[in-house]
Amino acid sequence: LAFPPLTEERRRELVKQVHARAEDGRVAVRNVRRHAKDELEKLEHAGDISEDDLQRAEKDLQKLTDRFVTDIDQIQGHKEQELMEV
């Protein structure tokens, strides 16, 4: 099948879709972080882990969150450049 080349308008629409999906991904990662943090706090209140363990786990959780958000941002940037190439 032969597809006609993308118009500038269509490229911009696709970039907007990429941006929206990337934002959905960032929100999903933050939601997972929030749920994991809540579970860690429950464990600390129940006495299953110490306050130091809680703080260490929260730092690790934040590092993971930052890493995945950075990955999403890089993928988004790459895809936007790919779409805007003529």
PDB file of N, CA and C in Angstrom:
ATOM      1  N   LEU A   1       0.836  -1.190   0.000  1.00  0.00           N
ATOM      2  CA  LEU A   1       0.000   0.000   0.000  1.00  0.00           C
ATOM      3  C   LEU A   1       0.876   1.247   0.000  1.00  0.00           C
ATOM      4  N   ALA A   2       0.478   2.207  -0.722  1.00  0.00           N
ATOM      5  CA  ALA A   2       1.197   3.478  -0.772  1.00  0.00           C
ATOM      6  C   ALA A   2       0.421   4.511   0.039  1.00  0.00           C
ATOM      7  N   PHE A   3       1.069   5.048   1.059  1.00  0.00           N
ATOM      8  CA  PHE A   3       0.452   6.079   1.894  1.00  0.00           C
ATOM      9  C   PHE A   3       0.984   7.440   1.472  1.00  0.00           C
ATOM     10  N   PRO A   4       0.133   8.441   1.407  1.00  0.00           N
ATOM     11  CA  PRO A   4       0.624   9.782   1.076  1.00  0.00           C
ATOM     12  C   PRO A   4       1.474  10.318   2.235  1.00  0.00           C
ATOM     13  N   PRO A   5       2.427  11.187   1.937  1.00  0.00           N
ATOM     14  CA  PRO A   5       3.254  11.744   3.017  1.00  0.00           C
ATOM     15  C   PRO A   5       2.389  12.549   3.999  1.00  0.00           C
ATOM     16  N   LEU A   6       2.854  12.584   5.231  1.00  0.00           N
ATOM     17  CA  LEU A   6       2.122  13.316   6.268  1.00  0.00           C
ATOM     18  C   LEU A   6       2.206  14.817   6.024  1.00  0.00           C
ATOM     19  N   THR A   7       1.101  15.493   6.267  1.00  0.00           N
ATOM     20  CA  THR A   7       1.096  16.949   6.167  1.00  0.00           C
ATOM     21  C   THR A   7       1.623  17.531   7.469  1.00  0.00           C
ATOM     22  N   GLU A   8       1.984  18.793   7.432  1.00  0.00           N
ATOM     23  CA  GLU A   8       2.480  19.472   8.630  1.00  0.00           C
ATOM     24  C   GLU A   8       1.421  19.462   9.736  1.00  0.00           C
ATOM     25  N   GLU A   9       0.188  19.677   9.353  1.00  0.00           N
ATOM     26  CA  GLU A   9      -0.913  19.695  10.324  1.00  0.00           C
ATOM     27  C   GLU A   9      -1.058  18.331  11.004  1.00  0.00           C
ATOM     28  N   ARG A  10      -1.001  17.270  10.206  1.00  0.00           N
ATOM     29  CA  ARG A  10      -1.146  15.918  10.749  1.00  0.00           C
ATOM     30  C   ARG A  10       0.030  15.572  11.660  1.00  0.00           C
ATOM     31  N   ARG A  11       1.223  16.024  11.300  1.00  0.00           N
ATOM     32  CA  ARG A  11       2.399  15.793  12.145  1.00  0.00           C
ATOM     33  C   ARG A  11       2.215  16.450  13.506  1.00  0.00           C
ATOM     34  N   ARG A  12       1.702  17.663  13.491  1.00  0.00           N
ATOM     35  CA  ARG A  12       1.487  18.372  14.766  1.00  0.00           C
ATOM     36  C   ARG A  12       0.422  17.668  15.614  1.00  0.00           C
ATOM     37  N   GLU A  13      -0.602  17.139  14.973  1.00  0.00           N
ATOM     38  CA  GLU A  13      -1.623  16.383  15.705  1.00  0.00           C
ATOM     39  C   GLU A  13      -1.008  15.142  16.343  1.00  0.00           C
ATOM     40  N   LEU A  14      -0.157  14.457  15.601  1.00  0.00           N
ATOM     41  CA  LEU A  14       0.490  13.260  16.140  1.00  0.00           C
ATOM     42  C   LEU A  14       1.430  13.606  17.293  1.00  0.00           C
ATOM     43  N   VAL A  15       2.118  14.740  17.199  1.00  0.00           N
ATOM     44  CA  VAL A  15       2.999  15.183  18.283  1.00  0.00           C
ATOM     45  C   VAL A  15       2.165  15.452  19.542  1.00  0.00           C
ATOM     46  N   LYS A  16       0.986  16.050  19.367  1.00  0.00           N
ATOM     47  CA  LYS A  16       0.099  16.298  20.509  1.00  0.00           C
ATOM     48  C   LYS A  16      -0.340  14.982  21.148  1.00  0.00           C
ATOM     49  N   GLN A  17      -0.609  13.971  20.312  1.00  0.00           N
ATOM     50  CA  GLN A  17      -0.991  12.659  20.842  1.00  0.00           C
ATOM     51  C   GLN A  17       0.159  12.020  21.602  1.00  0.00           C
ATOM     52  N   VAL A  18       1.374  12.160  21.075  1.00  0.00           N
ATOM     53  CA  VAL A  18       2.558  11.624  21.754  1.00  0.00           C
ATOM     54  C   VAL A  18       2.708  12.313  23.107  1.00  0.00           C
ATOM     55  N   HIS A  19       2.539  13.621  23.130  1.00  0.00           N
ATOM     56  CA  HIS A  19       2.659  14.370  24.377  1.00  0.00           C
ATOM     57  C   HIS A  19       1.614  13.902  25.396  1.00  0.00           C
ATOM     58  N   ALA A  20       0.393  13.704  24.948  1.00  0.00           N
ATOM     59  CA  ALA A  20      -0.688  13.272  25.847  1.00  0.00           C
ATOM     60  C   ALA A  20      -0.400  11.876  26.399  1.00  0.00           C
ATOM     61  N   ARG A  21       0.071  10.979  25.548  1.00  0.00           N
ATOM     62  CA  ARG A  21       0.366   9.616  26.015  1.00  0.00           C
ATOM     63  C   ARG A  21       1.551   9.606  26.971  1.00  0.00           C
ATOM     64  N   ALA A  22       2.531  10.448  26.711  1.00  0.00           N
ATOM     65  CA  ALA A  22       3.674  10.535  27.619  1.00  0.00           C
ATOM     66  C   ALA A  22       3.218  11.059  28.984  1.00  0.00           C
ATOM     67  N   GLU A  23       2.345  12.044  28.979  1.00  0.00           N
ATOM     68  CA  GLU A  23       1.832  12.571  30.248  1.00  0.00           C
ATOM     69  C   GLU A  23       1.033  11.502  30.992  1.00  0.00           C
ATOM     70  N   ASP A  24       0.245  10.718  30.266  1.00  0.00           N
ATOM     71  CA  ASP A  24      -0.476   9.606  30.889  1.00  0.00           C
ATOM     72  C   ASP A  24       0.498   8.622  31.532  1.00  0.00           C
ATOM     73  N   GLY A  25       1.611   8.372  30.855  1.00  0.00           N
ATOM     74  CA  GLY A  25       2.631   7.470  31.402  1.00  0.00           C
ATOM     75  C   GLY A  25       3.256   8.034  32.662  1.00  0.00           C
ATOM     76  N   ARG A  26       3.566   9.330  32.660  1.00  0.00           N
ATOM     77  CA  ARG A  26       4.143   9.952  33.857  1.00  0.00           C
ATOM     78  C   ARG A  26       3.154   9.901  35.023  1.00  0.00           C
ATOM     79  N   VAL A  27       1.893  10.142  34.746  1.00  0.00           N
ATOM     80  CA  VAL A  27       0.867  10.086  35.796  1.00  0.00           C
ATOM     81  C   VAL A  27       0.756   8.665  36.344  1.00  0.00           C
ATOM     82  N   ALA A  28       0.812   7.674  35.465  1.00  0.00           N
ATOM     83  CA  ALA A  28       0.726   6.275  35.909  1.00  0.00           C
ATOM     84  C   ALA A  28       1.909   5.920  36.809  1.00  0.00           C
ATOM     85  N   VAL A  29       3.109   6.384  36.447  1.00  0.00           N
ATOM     86  CA  VAL A  29       4.289   6.115  37.273  1.00  0.00           C
ATOM     87  C   VAL A  29       4.132   6.777  38.638  1.00  0.00           C
ATOM     88  N   ARG A  30       3.630   7.998  38.653  1.00  0.00           N
ATOM     89  CA  ARG A  30       3.431   8.692  39.939  1.00  0.00           C
ATOM     90  C   ARG A  30       2.362   7.997  40.791  1.00  0.00           C
ATOM     91  N   ASN A  31       1.333   7.473  40.157  1.00  0.00           N
ATOM     92  CA  ASN A  31       0.304   6.745  40.907  1.00  0.00           C
ATOM     93  C   ASN A  31       0.878   5.486  41.538  1.00  0.00           C
ATOM     94  N   VAL A  32       1.717   4.777  40.812  1.00  0.00           N
ATOM     95  CA  VAL A  32       2.357   3.576  41.367  1.00  0.00           C
ATOM     96  C   VAL A  32       3.231   3.975  42.553  1.00  0.00           C
ATOM     97  N   ARG A  33       3.971   5.088  42.410  1.00  0.00           N
ATOM     98  CA  ARG A  33       4.806   5.566  43.516  1.00  0.00           C
ATOM     99  C   ARG A  33       3.954   5.878  44.745  1.00  0.00           C
ATOM    100  N   ARG A  34       2.845   6.552  44.516  1.00  0.00           N
ATOM    101  CA  ARG A  34       1.976   6.920  45.645  1.00  0.00           C
ATOM    102  C   ARG A  34       1.439   5.683  46.360  1.00  0.00           C
ATOM    103  N   HIS A  35       1.003   4.690  45.577  1.00  0.00           N
ATOM    104  CA  HIS A  35       0.470   3.470  46.195  1.00  0.00           C
ATOM    105  C   HIS A  35       1.562   2.708  46.953  1.00  0.00           C
ATOM    106  N   ALA A  36       2.751   2.646  46.377  1.00  0.00           N
ATOM    107  CA  ALA A  36       3.856   1.958  47.043  1.00  0.00           C
ATOM    108  C   ALA A  36       4.236   2.692  48.332  1.00  0.00           C
ATOM    109  N   LYS A  37       4.241   4.016  48.290  1.00  0.00           N
ATOM    110  CA  LYS A  37       4.569   4.800  49.479  1.00  0.00           C
ATOM    111  C   LYS A  37       3.527   4.578  50.576  1.00  0.00           C
ATOM    112  N   ASP A  38       2.267   4.520  50.197  1.00  0.00           N
ATOM    113  CA  ASP A  38       1.206   4.254  51.174  1.00  0.00           C
ATOM    114  C   ASP A  38       1.412   2.891  51.836  1.00  0.00           C
ATOM    115  N   GLU A  39       1.760   1.887  51.028  1.00  0.00           N
ATOM    116  CA  GLU A  39       1.998   0.538  51.577  1.00  0.00           C
ATOM    117  C   GLU A  39       3.191   0.541  52.523  1.00  0.00           C
ATOM    118  N   LEU A  40       4.242   1.262  52.165  1.00  0.00           N
ATOM    119  CA  LEU A  40       5.412   1.347  53.041  1.00  0.00           C
ATOM    120  C   LEU A  40       5.060   2.016  54.370  1.00  0.00           C
ATOM    121  N   GLU A  41       4.257   3.067  54.294  1.00  0.00           N
ATOM    122  CA  GLU A  41       3.854   3.758  55.525  1.00  0.00           C
ATOM    123  C   GLU A  41       2.984   2.853  56.401  1.00  0.00           C
ATOM    124  N   LYS A  42       2.144   2.047  55.778  1.00  0.00           N
ATOM    125  CA  LYS A  42       1.334   1.092  56.545  1.00  0.00           C
ATOM    126  C   LYS A  42       2.232   0.080  57.259  1.00  0.00           C
ATOM    127  N   LEU A  43       3.246  -0.382  56.558  1.00  0.00           N
ATOM    128  CA  LEU A  43       4.176  -1.337  57.176  1.00  0.00           C
ATOM    129  C   LEU A  43       4.913  -0.695  58.343  1.00  0.00           C
ATOM    130  N   GLU A  44       5.287   0.564  58.200  1.00  0.00           N
ATOM    131  CA  GLU A  44       6.005   1.255  59.270  1.00  0.00           C
ATOM    132  C   GLU A  44       5.090   1.468  60.481  1.00  0.00           C
ATOM    133  N   HIS A  45       3.835   1.826  60.223  1.00  0.00           N
ATOM    134  CA  HIS A  45       2.889   2.028  61.331  1.00  0.00           C
ATOM    135  C   HIS A  45       2.572   0.712  62.034  1.00  0.00           C
ATOM    136  N   ALA A  46       2.580  -0.380  61.289  1.00  0.00           N
ATOM    137  CA  ALA A  46       2.312  -1.694  61.882  1.00  0.00           C
ATOM    138  C   ALA A  46       3.524  -2.221  62.644  1.00  0.00           C
ATOM    139  N   GLY A  47       4.673  -1.584  62.445  1.00  0.00           N
ATOM    140  CA  GLY A  47       5.867  -2.011  63.148  1.00  0.00           C
ATOM    141  C   GLY A  47       6.664  -3.073  62.406  1.00  0.00           C
ATOM    142  N   ASP A  48       6.314  -3.339  61.168  1.00  0.00           N
ATOM    143  CA  ASP A  48       7.025  -4.353  60.391  1.00  0.00           C
ATOM    144  C   ASP A  48       8.368  -3.849  59.867  1.00  0.00           C
ATOM    145  N   ILE A  49       8.485  -2.542  59.657  1.00  0.00           N
ATOM    146  CA  ILE A  49       9.759  -1.959  59.242  1.00  0.00           C
ATOM    147  C   ILE A  49      10.047  -0.740  60.112  1.00  0.00           C
ATOM    148  N   SER A  50      11.323  -0.388  60.224  1.00  0.00           N
ATOM    149  CA  SER A  50      11.701   0.756  61.053  1.00  0.00           C
ATOM    150  C   SER A  50      11.571   2.054  60.252  1.00  0.00           C
ATOM    151  N   GLU A  51      11.691   3.166  60.955  1.00  0.00           N
ATOM    152  CA  GLU A  51      11.600   4.470  60.303  1.00  0.00           C
ATOM    153  C   GLU A  51      12.761   4.657  59.325  1.00  0.00           C
ATOM    154  N   ASP A  52      13.941   4.154  59.702  1.00  0.00           N
ATOM    155  CA  ASP A  52      15.096   4.242  58.805  1.00  0.00           C
ATOM    156  C   ASP A  52      14.857   3.436  57.530  1.00  0.00           C
ATOM    157  N   ASP A  53      14.283   2.245  57.686  1.00  0.00           N
ATOM    158  CA  ASP A  53      13.975   1.427  56.513  1.00  0.00           C
ATOM    159  C   ASP A  53      12.947   2.128  55.623  1.00  0.00           C
ATOM    160  N   LEU A  54      11.992   2.789  56.243  1.00  0.00           N
ATOM    161  CA  LEU A  54      10.975   3.524  55.494  1.00  0.00           C
ATOM    162  C   LEU A  54      11.617   4.637  54.675  1.00  0.00           C
ATOM    163  N   GLN A  55      12.498   5.411  55.307  1.00  0.00           N
ATOM    164  CA  GLN A  55      13.153   6.511  54.605  1.00  0.00           C
ATOM    165  C   GLN A  55      14.032   5.989  53.470  1.00  0.00           C
ATOM    166  N   ARG A  56      14.744   4.904  53.703  1.00  0.00           N
ATOM    167  CA  ARG A  56      15.605   4.321  52.680  1.00  0.00           C
ATOM    168  C   ARG A  56      14.755   3.824  51.499  1.00  0.00           C
ATOM    169  N   ALA A  57      13.649   3.167  51.812  1.00  0.00           N
ATOM    170  CA  ALA A  57      12.769   2.646  50.768  1.00  0.00           C
ATOM    171  C   ALA A  57      12.132   3.782  49.967  1.00  0.00           C
ATOM    172  N   GLU A  58      11.770   4.871  50.651  1.00  0.00           N
ATOM    173  CA  GLU A  58      11.179   6.014  49.956  1.00  0.00           C
ATOM    174  C   GLU A  58      12.192   6.673  49.015  1.00  0.00           C
ATOM    175  N   LYS A  59      13.459   6.751  49.455  1.00  0.00           N
ATOM    176  CA  LYS A  59      14.504   7.308  48.580  1.00  0.00           C
ATOM    177  C   LYS A  59      14.693   6.425  47.346  1.00  0.00           C
ATOM    178  N   ASP A  60      14.718   5.112  47.543  1.00  0.00           N
ATOM    179  CA  ASP A  60      14.860   4.183  46.421  1.00  0.00           C
ATOM    180  C   ASP A  60      13.663   4.290  45.477  1.00  0.00           C
ATOM    181  N   LEU A  61      12.491   4.408  46.062  1.00  0.00           N
ATOM    182  CA  LEU A  61      11.268   4.546  45.275  1.00  0.00           C
ATOM    183  C   LEU A  61      11.305   5.825  44.432  1.00  0.00           C
ATOM    184  N   GLN A  62      11.789   6.913  45.019  1.00  0.00           N
ATOM    185  CA  GLN A  62      11.885   8.180  44.293  1.00  0.00           C
ATOM    186  C   GLN A  62      12.907   8.075  43.160  1.00  0.00           C
ATOM    187  N   LYS A  63      14.021   7.384  43.413  1.00  0.00           N
ATOM    188  CA  LYS A  63      15.026   7.208  42.358  1.00  0.00           C
ATOM    189  C   LYS A  63      14.437   6.427  41.182  1.00  0.00           C
ATOM    190  N   LEU A  64      13.684   5.381  41.487  1.00  0.00           N
ATOM    191  CA  LEU A  64      13.042   4.599  40.424  1.00  0.00           C
ATOM    192  C   LEU A  64      12.040   5.446  39.650  1.00  0.00           C
ATOM    193  N   THR A  65      11.266   6.211  40.374  1.00  0.00           N
ATOM    194  CA  THR A  65      10.271   7.076  39.738  1.00  0.00           C
ATOM    195  C   THR A  65      10.958   8.070  38.807  1.00  0.00           C
ATOM    196  N   ASP A  66      12.019   8.698  39.288  1.00  0.00           N
ATOM    197  CA  ASP A  66      12.748   9.668  38.472  1.00  0.00           C
ATOM    198  C   ASP A  66      13.323   9.011  37.226  1.00  0.00           C
ATOM    199  N   ARG A  67      13.846   7.795  37.385  1.00  0.00           N
ATOM    200  CA  ARG A  67      14.437   7.087  36.245  1.00  0.00           C
ATOM    201  C   ARG A  67      13.385   6.808  35.170  1.00  0.00           C
ATOM    202  N   PHE A  68      12.211   6.325  35.580  1.00  0.00           N
ATOM    203  CA  PHE A  68      11.181   6.004  34.609  1.00  0.00           C
ATOM    204  C   PHE A  68      10.576   7.247  33.967  1.00  0.00           C
ATOM    205  N   VAL A  69      10.439   8.312  34.722  1.00  0.00           N
ATOM    206  CA  VAL A  69       9.936   9.568  34.155  1.00  0.00           C
ATOM    207  C   VAL A  69      10.942  10.113  33.137  1.00  0.00           C
ATOM    208  N   THR A  70      12.231  10.006  33.453  1.00  0.00           N
ATOM    209  CA  THR A  70      13.270  10.433  32.512  1.00  0.00           C
ATOM    210  C   THR A  70      13.219   9.595  31.245  1.00  0.00           C
ATOM    211  N   ASP A  71      13.023   8.289  31.388  1.00  0.00           N
ATOM    212  CA  ASP A  71      12.904   7.410  30.222  1.00  0.00           C
ATOM    213  C   ASP A  71      11.723   7.828  29.345  1.00  0.00           C
ATOM    214  N   ILE A  72      10.604   8.120  29.978  1.00  0.00           N
ATOM    215  CA  ILE A  72       9.415   8.549  29.233  1.00  0.00           C
ATOM    216  C   ILE A  72       9.704   9.855  28.488  1.00  0.00           C
ATOM    217  N   ASP A  73      10.374  10.794  29.157  1.00  0.00           N
ATOM    218  CA  ASP A  73      10.699  12.073  28.526  1.00  0.00           C
ATOM    219  C   ASP A  73      11.622  11.878  27.320  1.00  0.00           C
ATOM    220  N   GLN A  74      12.594  10.985  27.444  1.00  0.00           N
ATOM    221  CA  GLN A  74      13.512  10.731  26.335  1.00  0.00           C
ATOM    222  C   GLN A  74      12.791  10.099  25.158  1.00  0.00           C
ATOM    223  N   ILE A  75      11.947   9.136  25.438  1.00  0.00           N
ATOM    224  CA  ILE A  75      11.189   8.484  24.373  1.00  0.00           C
ATOM    225  C   ILE A  75      10.276   9.491  23.682  1.00  0.00           C
ATOM    226  N   GLN A  76       9.638  10.346  24.477  1.00  0.00           N
ATOM    227  CA  GLN A  76       8.758  11.372  23.911  1.00  0.00           C
ATOM    228  C   GLN A  76       9.546  12.303  23.001  1.00  0.00           C
ATOM    229  N   GLY A  77      10.678  12.773  23.441  1.00  0.00           N
ATOM    230  CA  GLY A  77      11.492  13.678  22.635  1.00  0.00           C
ATOM    231  C   GLY A  77      11.936  13.033  21.335  1.00  0.00           C
ATOM    232  N   HIS A  78      12.363  11.788  21.424  1.00  0.00           N
ATOM    233  CA  HIS A  78      12.801  11.066  20.226  1.00  0.00           C
ATOM    234  C   HIS A  78      11.646  10.908  19.240  1.00  0.00           C
ATOM    235  N   LYS A  79      10.492  10.554  19.733  1.00  0.00           N
ATOM    236  CA  LYS A  79       9.331  10.332  18.856  1.00  0.00           C
ATOM    237  C   LYS A  79       8.879  11.639  18.219  1.00  0.00           C
ATOM    238  N   GLU A  80       8.899  12.720  18.973  1.00  0.00           N
ATOM    239  CA  GLU A  80       8.507  14.019  18.415  1.00  0.00           C
ATOM    240  C   GLU A  80       9.464  14.434  17.293  1.00  0.00           C
ATOM    241  N   GLN A  81      10.771  14.220  17.502  1.00  0.00           N
ATOM    242  CA  GLN A  81      11.742  14.540  16.446  1.00  0.00           C
ATOM    243  C   GLN A  81      11.496  13.671  15.223  1.00  0.00           C
ATOM    244  N   GLU A  82      11.223  12.392  15.453  1.00  0.00           N
ATOM    245  CA  GLU A  82      10.970  11.465  14.355  1.00  0.00           C
ATOM    246  C   GLU A  82       9.746  11.897  13.528  1.00  0.00           C
ATOM    247  N   LEU A  83       8.710  12.331  14.234  1.00  0.00           N
ATOM    248  CA  LEU A  83       7.482  12.748  13.548  1.00  0.00           C
ATOM    249  C   LEU A  83       7.680  14.042  12.764  1.00  0.00           C
ATOM    250  N   MET A  84       8.506  14.936  13.246  1.00  0.00           N
ATOM    251  CA  MET A  84       8.658  16.233  12.604  1.00  0.00           C
ATOM    252  C   MET A  84       9.672  16.210  11.462  1.00  0.00           C
ATOM    253  N   GLU A  85      10.376  15.081  11.284  1.00  0.00           N
ATOM    254  CA  GLU A  85      11.298  14.980  10.155  1.00  0.00           C
ATOM    255  C   GLU A  85      10.493  14.933   8.859  1.00  0.00           C
ATOM    256  N   VAL A  86      10.986  15.615   7.872  1.00  0.00           N
ATOM    257  CA  VAL A  86      10.284  15.635   6.588  1.00  0.00           C
ATOM    258  C   VAL A  86      10.927  14.664   5.632  1.00  0.00           C
TER     259      VAL A  86
END
